[in-house]
Amino acid sequence: NTIYKLRKLLKEEEIDALIVVETLCSQFTIPAPL
């Protein structure tokens, strides 16, 4: 669900750059923009 919400945010907000501050967040941020 968190990956889905992140993917939805990327699309709706038309994000140009994604910055991950914490390595543990990668489990969400790597699959989301695929």
All heavy atoms as atom14 arrays in JSON, in Angstrom:
{
  "sequence": "NTIYKLRKLLKEEEIDALIVVETLCSQFTIPAPL",
  "atom14_mask": [
    [1, 1, 1, 1, 1, 1, 1, 1, 0, 0, 0, 0, 0, 0],
    [1, 1, 1, 1, 1, 1, 1, 0, 0, 0, 0, 0, 0, 0],
    [1, 1, 1, 1, 1, 1, 1, 1, 0, 0, 0, 0, 0, 0],
    [1, 1, 1, 1, 1, 1, 1, 1, 1, 1, 1, 1, 0, 0],
    [1, 1, 1, 1, 1, 1, 1, 1, 1, 0, 0, 0, 0, 0],
    [1, 1, 1, 1, 1, 1, 1, 1, 0, 0, 0, 0, 0, 0],
    [1, 1, 1, 1, 1, 1, 1, 1, 1, 1, 1, 0, 0, 0],
    [1, 1, 1, 1, 1, 1, 1, 1, 1, 0, 0, 0, 0, 0],
    [1, 1, 1, 1, 1, 1, 1, 1, 0, 0, 0, 0, 0, 0],
    [1, 1, 1, 1, 1, 1, 1, 1, 0, 0, 0, 0, 0, 0],
    [1, 1, 1, 1, 1, 1, 1, 1, 1, 0, 0, 0, 0, 0],
    [1, 1, 1, 1, 1, 1, 1, 1, 1, 0, 0, 0, 0, 0],
    [1, 1, 1, 1, 1, 1, 1, 1, 1, 0, 0, 0, 0, 0],
    [1, 1, 1, 1, 1, 1, 1, 1, 1, 0, 0, 0, 0, 0],
    [1, 1, 1, 1, 1, 1, 1, 1, 0, 0, 0, 0, 0, 0],
    [1, 1, 1, 1, 1, 1, 1, 1, 0, 0, 0, 0, 0, 0],
    [1, 1, 1, 1, 1, 0, 0, 0, 0, 0, 0, 0, 0, 0],
    [1, 1, 1, 1, 1, 1, 1, 1, 0, 0, 0, 0, 0, 0],
    [1, 1, 1, 1, 1, 1, 1, 1, 0, 0, 0, 0, 0, 0],
    [1, 1, 1, 1, 1, 1, 1, 0, 0, 0, 0, 0, 0, 0],
    [1, 1, 1, 1, 1, 1, 1, 0, 0, 0, 0, 0, 0, 0],
    [1, 1, 1, 1, 1, 1, 1, 1, 1, 0, 0, 0, 0, 0],
    [1, 1, 1, 1, 1, 1, 1, 0, 0, 0, 0, 0, 0, 0],
    [1, 1, 1, 1, 1, 1, 1, 1, 0, 0, 0, 0, 0, 0],
    [1, 1, 1, 1, 1, 1, 0, 0, 0, 0, 0, 0, 0, 0],
    [1, 1, 1, 1, 1, 1, 0, 0, 0, 0, 0, 0, 0, 0],
    [1, 1, 1, 1, 1, 1, 1, 1, 1, 0, 0, 0, 0, 0],
    [1, 1, 1, 1, 1, 1, 1, 1, 1, 1, 1, 0, 0, 0],
    [1, 1, 1, 1, 1, 1, 1, 0, 0, 0, 0, 0, 0, 0],
    [1, 1, 1, 1, 1, 1, 1, 1, 0, 0, 0, 0, 0, 0],
    [1, 1, 1, 1, 1, 1, 1, 0, 0, 0, 0, 0, 0, 0],
    [1, 1, 1, 1, 1, 0, 0, 0, 0, 0, 0, 0, 0, 0],
    [1, 1, 1, 1, 1, 1, 1, 0, 0, 0, 0, 0, 0, 0],
    [1, 1, 1, 1, 1, 1, 1, 1, 0, 0, 0, 0, 0, 0]
  ],
  "atom14_positions": [
    [[0.82, -1.21, 0.0], [0.0, 0.0, 0.0], [0.85, 1.26, 0.0], [0.52, 2.25, -0.65], [-0.96, 0.02, 1.19], [-2.14, -0.9, 1.0], [-2.4, -1.37, -0.09], [-2.85, -1.17, 2.07], [0.0, 0.0, 0.0], [0.0, 0.0, 0.0], [0.0, 0.0, 0.0], [0.0, 0.0, 0.0], [0.0, 0.0, 0.0], [0.0, 0.0, 0.0]],
    [[1.96, 1.23, 0.73], [2.86, 2.38, 0.77], [3.52, 2.58, -0.6], [3.65, 3.71, -1.07], [3.92, 2.21, 1.87], [3.24, 2.03, 3.12], [4.83, 3.4, 1.96], [0.0, 0.0, 0.0], [0.0, 0.0, 0.0], [0.0, 0.0, 0.0], [0.0, 0.0, 0.0], [0.0, 0.0, 0.0], [0.0, 0.0, 0.0], [0.0, 0.0, 0.0]],
    [[3.92, 1.51, -1.25], [4.49, 1.6, -2.6], [3.45, 2.16, -3.56], [3.75, 3.04, -4.38], [5.01, 0.23, -3.08], [6.21, -0.2, -2.23], [5.37, 0.27, -4.57], [6.63, -1.63, -2.43], [0.0, 0.0, 0.0], [0.0, 0.0, 0.0], [0.0, 0.0, 0.0], [0.0, 0.0, 0.0], [0.0, 0.0, 0.0], [0.0, 0.0, 0.0]],
    [[2.23, 1.7, -3.45], [1.14, 2.2, -4.3], [0.92, 3.7, -4.08], [0.8, 4.46, -5.04], [-0.15, 1.43, -4.02], [-1.36, 2.04, -4.68], [-1.59, 1.85, -6.04], [-2.25, 2.82, -3.96], [-2.68, 2.43, -6.66], [-3.34, 3.4, -4.57], [-3.56, 3.2, -5.92], [-4.63, 3.78, -6.52], [0.0, 0.0, 0.0], [0.0, 0.0, 0.0]],
    [[0.9, 4.14, -2.81], [0.69, 5.56, -2.51], [1.84, 6.41, -3.03], [1.64, 7.52, -3.52], [0.52, 5.76, -1.01], [-0.79, 5.22, -0.48], [-0.86, 5.34, 1.03], [-2.08, 4.64, 1.58], [-2.1, 4.64, 3.04], [0.0, 0.0, 0.0], [0.0, 0.0, 0.0], [0.0, 0.0, 0.0], [0.0, 0.0, 0.0], [0.0, 0.0, 0.0]],
    [[3.06, 5.88, -2.92], [4.22, 6.6, -3.43], [4.16, 6.71, -4.95], [4.4, 7.76, -5.52], [5.51, 5.91, -2.99], [6.82, 6.55, -3.39], [6.91, 7.99, -2.89], [7.98, 5.73, -2.86], [0.0, 0.0, 0.0], [0.0, 0.0, 0.0], [0.0, 0.0, 0.0], [0.0, 0.0, 0.0], [0.0, 0.0, 0.0], [0.0, 0.0, 0.0]],
    [[3.8, 5.62, -5.62], [3.68, 5.63, -7.09], [2.6, 6.63, -7.53], [2.79, 7.39, -8.48], [3.33, 4.23, -7.58], [3.19, 4.15, -9.1], [2.96, 2.75, -9.55], [4.21, 2.0, -9.37], [4.27, 0.68, -9.28], [3.18, -0.03, -9.34], [5.43, 0.08, -9.14], [0.0, 0.0, 0.0], [0.0, 0.0, 0.0], [0.0, 0.0, 0.0]],
    [[1.5, 6.63, -6.81], [0.4, 7.56, -7.11], [0.85, 9.01, -6.93], [0.55, 9.88, -7.74], [-0.79, 7.24, -6.2], [-2.01, 8.03, -6.49], [-3.15, 7.57, -5.58], [-4.37, 8.44, -5.78], [-5.46, 8.08, -4.88], [0.0, 0.0, 0.0], [0.0, 0.0, 0.0], [0.0, 0.0, 0.0], [0.0, 0.0, 0.0], [0.0, 0.0, 0.0]],
    [[1.61, 9.28, -5.86], [2.14, 10.62, -5.6], [3.09, 11.05, -6.71], [3.04, 12.2, -7.16], [2.84, 10.64, -4.24], [3.43, 11.95, -3.77], [2.33, 12.99, -3.53], [4.23, 11.75, -2.49], [0.0, 0.0, 0.0], [0.0, 0.0, 0.0], [0.0, 0.0, 0.0], [0.0, 0.0, 0.0], [0.0, 0.0, 0.0], [0.0, 0.0, 0.0]],
    [[3.95, 10.15, -7.16], [4.89, 10.46, -8.24], [4.14, 10.89, -9.5], [4.52, 11.86, -10.16], [5.76, 9.25, -8.57], [6.82, 8.85, -7.55], [7.41, 7.48, -7.9], [7.9, 9.89, -7.45], [0.0, 0.0, 0.0], [0.0, 0.0, 0.0], [0.0, 0.0, 0.0], [0.0, 0.0, 0.0], [0.0, 0.0, 0.0], [0.0, 0.0, 0.0]],
    [[3.08, 10.19, -9.83], [2.31, 10.49, -11.04], [1.48, 11.76, -10.89], [1.5, 12.62, -11.76], [1.4, 9.32, -11.4], [2.15, 8.11, -11.89], [1.21, 6.98, -12.23], [1.99, 5.76, -12.69], [1.1, 4.64, -13.01], [0.0, 0.0, 0.0], [0.0, 0.0, 0.0], [0.0, 0.0, 0.0], [0.0, 0.0, 0.0], [0.0, 0.0, 0.0]],
    [[0.74, 11.86, -9.79], [-0.16, 13.01, -9.61], [0.6, 14.32, -9.49], [0.16, 15.35, -10.0], [-1.03, 12.8, -8.38], [-2.11, 11.75, -8.57], [-2.93, 11.52, -7.32], [-2.63, 12.1, -6.26], [-3.89, 10.73, -7.41], [0.0, 0.0, 0.0], [0.0, 0.0, 0.0], [0.0, 0.0, 0.0], [0.0, 0.0, 0.0], [0.0, 0.0, 0.0]],
    [[1.72, 14.31, -8.8], [2.49, 15.54, -8.59], [3.51, 15.79, -9.69], [4.19, 16.8, -9.68], [3.2, 15.49, -7.23], [2.26, 15.48, -6.05], [1.59, 16.82, -5.83], [2.06, 17.85, -6.35], [0.56, 16.84, -5.12], [0.0, 0.0, 0.0], [0.0, 0.0, 0.0], [0.0, 0.0, 0.0], [0.0, 0.0, 0.0], [0.0, 0.0, 0.0]],
    [[3.66, 14.85, -10.62], [4.62, 14.97, -11.73], [6.02, 15.29, -11.21], [6.64, 16.29, -11.57], [4.14, 15.99, -12.74], [2.81, 15.63, -13.37], [2.29, 16.67, -14.34], [2.88, 17.77, -14.43], [1.3, 16.39, -15.02], [0.0, 0.0, 0.0], [0.0, 0.0, 0.0], [0.0, 0.0, 0.0], [0.0, 0.0, 0.0], [0.0, 0.0, 0.0]],
    [[6.52, 14.4, -10.38], [7.82, 14.56, -9.71], [8.95, 14.43, -10.73], [8.96, 13.52, -11.55], [7.97, 13.51, -8.59], [6.87, 13.66, -7.54], [9.35, 13.57, -7.97], [6.87, 14.98, -6.81], [0.0, 0.0, 0.0], [0.0, 0.0, 0.0], [0.0, 0.0, 0.0], [0.0, 0.0, 0.0], [0.0, 0.0, 0.0], [0.0, 0.0, 0.0]],
    [[9.91, 15.35, -10.64], [11.09, 15.32, -11.51], [12.26, 14.6, -10.88], [13.07, 14.0, -11.57], [11.53, 16.76, -11.85], [10.46, 17.51, -12.61], [10.01, 16.99, -13.64], [10.07, 18.61, -12.16], [0.0, 0.0, 0.0], [0.0, 0.0, 0.0], [0.0, 0.0, 0.0], [0.0, 0.0, 0.0], [0.0, 0.0, 0.0], [0.0, 0.0, 0.0]],
    [[12.39, 14.69, -9.55], [13.51, 14.06, -8.86], [13.03, 13.47, -7.55], [12.24, 14.09, -6.83], [14.61, 15.07, -8.6], [0.0, 0.0, 0.0], [0.0, 0.0, 0.0], [0.0, 0.0, 0.0], [0.0, 0.0, 0.0], [0.0, 0.0, 0.0], [0.0, 0.0, 0.0], [0.0, 0.0, 0.0], [0.0, 0.0, 0.0], [0.0, 0.0, 0.0]],
    [[13.51, 12.28, -7.25], [13.18, 11.59, -6.02], [14.45, 11.41, -5.22], [15.41, 10.83, -5.71], [12.54, 10.23, -6.34], [12.27, 9.27, -5.2], [11.3, 9.87, -4.19], [11.72, 7.96, -5.74], [0.0, 0.0, 0.0], [0.0, 0.0, 0.0], [0.0, 0.0, 0.0], [0.0, 0.0, 0.0], [0.0, 0.0, 0.0], [0.0, 0.0, 0.0]],
    [[14.46, 11.93, -4.0], [15.64, 11.82, -3.13], [15.25, 11.01, -1.91], [14.27, 11.33, -1.23], [16.14, 13.21, -2.7], [16.54, 14.03, -3.92], [17.32, 13.06, -1.73], [16.86, 15.48, -3.61], [0.0, 0.0, 0.0], [0.0, 0.0, 0.0], [0.0, 0.0, 0.0], [0.0, 0.0, 0.0], [0.0, 0.0, 0.0], [0.0, 0.0, 0.0]],
    [[16.01, 9.96, -1.65], [15.76, 9.09, -0.51], [16.83, 9.39, 0.53], [18.01, 9.25, 0.27], [15.81, 7.61, -0.91], [15.44, 6.72, 0.26], [14.91, 7.35, -2.09], [0.0, 0.0, 0.0], [0.0, 0.0, 0.0], [0.0, 0.0, 0.0], [0.0, 0.0, 0.0], [0.0, 0.0, 0.0], [0.0, 0.0, 0.0], [0.0, 0.0, 0.0]],
    [[16.4, 9.81, 1.71], [17.34, 10.23, 2.73], [17.81, 9.05, 3.58], [18.88, 9.09, 4.15], [16.72, 11.33, 3.63], [17.67, 11.76, 4.72], [16.33, 12.52, 2.78], [0.0, 0.0, 0.0], [0.0, 0.0, 0.0], [0.0, 0.0, 0.0], [0.0, 0.0, 0.0], [0.0, 0.0, 0.0], [0.0, 0.0, 0.0], [0.0, 0.0, 0.0]],
    [[17.04, 8.0, 3.61], [17.36, 6.87, 4.47], [17.34, 5.57, 3.66], [16.39, 5.3, 2.93], [16.33, 6.8, 5.59], [16.67, 5.87, 6.7], [15.69, 6.02, 7.85], [14.94, 7.0, 7.92], [15.67, 5.13, 8.68], [0.0, 0.0, 0.0], [0.0, 0.0, 0.0], [0.0, 0.0, 0.0], [0.0, 0.0, 0.0], [0.0, 0.0, 0.0]],
    [[18.37, 4.78, 3.8], [18.5, 3.56, 3.01], [17.33, 2.6, 3.23], [16.88, 1.94, 2.3], [19.83, 2.84, 3.36], [20.89, 3.77, 3.19], [20.07, 1.65, 2.47], [0.0, 0.0, 0.0], [0.0, 0.0, 0.0], [0.0, 0.0, 0.0], [0.0, 0.0, 0.0], [0.0, 0.0, 0.0], [0.0, 0.0, 0.0], [0.0, 0.0, 0.0]],
    [[16.8, 2.52, 4.44], [15.69, 1.62, 4.72], [14.43, 1.97, 3.92], [13.58, 1.12, 3.7], [15.37, 1.6, 6.21], [16.41, 0.94, 7.1], [16.04, 1.08, 8.57], [16.56, -0.53, 6.75], [0.0, 0.0, 0.0], [0.0, 0.0, 0.0], [0.0, 0.0, 0.0], [0.0, 0.0, 0.0], [0.0, 0.0, 0.0], [0.0, 0.0, 0.0]],
    [[14.33, 3.21, 3.49], [13.17, 3.63, 2.67], [13.24, 3.07, 1.26], [12.26, 3.13, 0.52], [13.09, 5.15, 2.62], [12.75, 5.91, 4.22], [0.0, 0.0, 0.0], [0.0, 0.0, 0.0], [0.0, 0.0, 0.0], [0.0, 0.0, 0.0], [0.0, 0.0, 0.0], [0.0, 0.0, 0.0], [0.0, 0.0, 0.0], [0.0, 0.0, 0.0]],
    [[14.38, 2.49, 0.88], [14.56, 1.97, -0.47], [13.59, 0.85, -0.8], [13.24, 0.65, -1.96], [15.99, 1.48, -0.67], [16.87, 2.56, -0.55], [0.0, 0.0, 0.0], [0.0, 0.0, 0.0], [0.0, 0.0, 0.0], [0.0, 0.0, 0.0], [0.0, 0.0, 0.0], [0.0, 0.0, 0.0], [0.0, 0.0, 0.0], [0.0, 0.0, 0.0]],
    [[13.13, 0.11, 0.21], [12.16, -0.95, -0.06], [10.87, -0.4, -0.66], [10.12, -1.11, -1.31], [11.87, -1.75, 1.2], [11.2, -0.95, 2.29], [10.97, -1.76, 3.55], [10.69, -2.95, 3.47], [11.09, -1.13, 4.7], [0.0, 0.0, 0.0], [0.0, 0.0, 0.0], [0.0, 0.0, 0.0], [0.0, 0.0, 0.0], [0.0, 0.0, 0.0]],
    [[10.62, 0.89, -0.44], [9.45, 1.54, -1.01], [9.8, 2.32, -2.27], [9.03, 2.34, -3.23], [8.83, 2.51, 0.0], [8.52, 1.89, 1.33], [9.33, 2.13, 2.42], [7.43, 1.05, 1.47], [9.05, 1.56, 3.64], [7.15, 0.47, 2.69], [7.96, 0.72, 3.78], [0.0, 0.0, 0.0], [0.0, 0.0, 0.0], [0.0, 0.0, 0.0]],
    [[10.94, 2.98, -2.26], [11.27, 3.92, -3.33], [11.88, 3.28, -4.58], [11.83, 3.87, -5.65], [12.23, 5.01, -2.82], [13.39, 4.39, -2.29], [11.55, 5.85, -1.76], [0.0, 0.0, 0.0], [0.0, 0.0, 0.0], [0.0, 0.0, 0.0], [0.0, 0.0, 0.0], [0.0, 0.0, 0.0], [0.0, 0.0, 0.0], [0.0, 0.0, 0.0]],
    [[12.45, 2.09, -4.47], [13.0, 1.45, -5.67], [11.87, 0.89, -6.55], [11.85, 1.14, -7.75], [14.05, 0.38, -5.31], [15.31, 1.09, -4.8], [14.37, -0.51, -6.5], [16.39, 0.18, -4.29], [0.0, 0.0, 0.0], [0.0, 0.0, 0.0], [0.0, 0.0, 0.0], [0.0, 0.0, 0.0], [0.0, 0.0, 0.0], [0.0, 0.0, 0.0]],
    [[10.89, 0.15, -5.99], [9.84, -0.36, -6.88], [8.82, 0.68, -7.33], [8.2, 0.52, -8.38], [9.16, -1.46, -6.04], [9.51, -1.18, -4.65], [10.8, -0.42, -4.66], [0.0, 0.0, 0.0], [0.0, 0.0, 0.0], [0.0, 0.0, 0.0], [0.0, 0.0, 0.0], [0.0, 0.0, 0.0], [0.0, 0.0, 0.0], [0.0, 0.0, 0.0]],
    [[8.63, 1.73, -6.57], [7.56, 2.7, -6.88], [7.69, 3.35, -8.26], [6.71, 3.42, -8.99], [7.47, 3.76, -5.79], [0.0, 0.0, 0.0], [0.0, 0.0, 0.0], [0.0, 0.0, 0.0], [0.0, 0.0, 0.0], [0.0, 0.0, 0.0], [0.0, 0.0, 0.0], [0.0, 0.0, 0.0], [0.0, 0.0, 0.0], [0.0, 0.0, 0.0]],
    [[8.86, 3.85, -8.67], [8.92, 4.54, -9.97], [9.08, 3.61, -11.17], [9.22, 4.09, -12.29], [10.12, 5.46, -9.83], [10.99, 4.83, -8.81], [10.07, 4.07, -7.9], [0.0, 0.0, 0.0], [0.0, 0.0, 0.0], [0.0, 0.0, 0.0], [0.0, 0.0, 0.0], [0.0, 0.0, 0.0], [0.0, 0.0, 0.0], [0.0, 0.0, 0.0]],
    [[9.02, 2.3, -11.01], [9.28, 1.39, -12.12], [8.32, 1.6, -13.3], [8.72, 1.5, -14.44], [9.22, -0.07, -11.65], [10.37, -0.49, -10.74], [10.18, -1.93, -10.3], [11.72, -0.31, -11.41], [0.0, 0.0, 0.0], [0.0, 0.0, 0.0], [0.0, 0.0, 0.0], [0.0, 0.0, 0.0], [0.0, 0.0, 0.0], [0.0, 0.0, 0.0]]
  ]
}
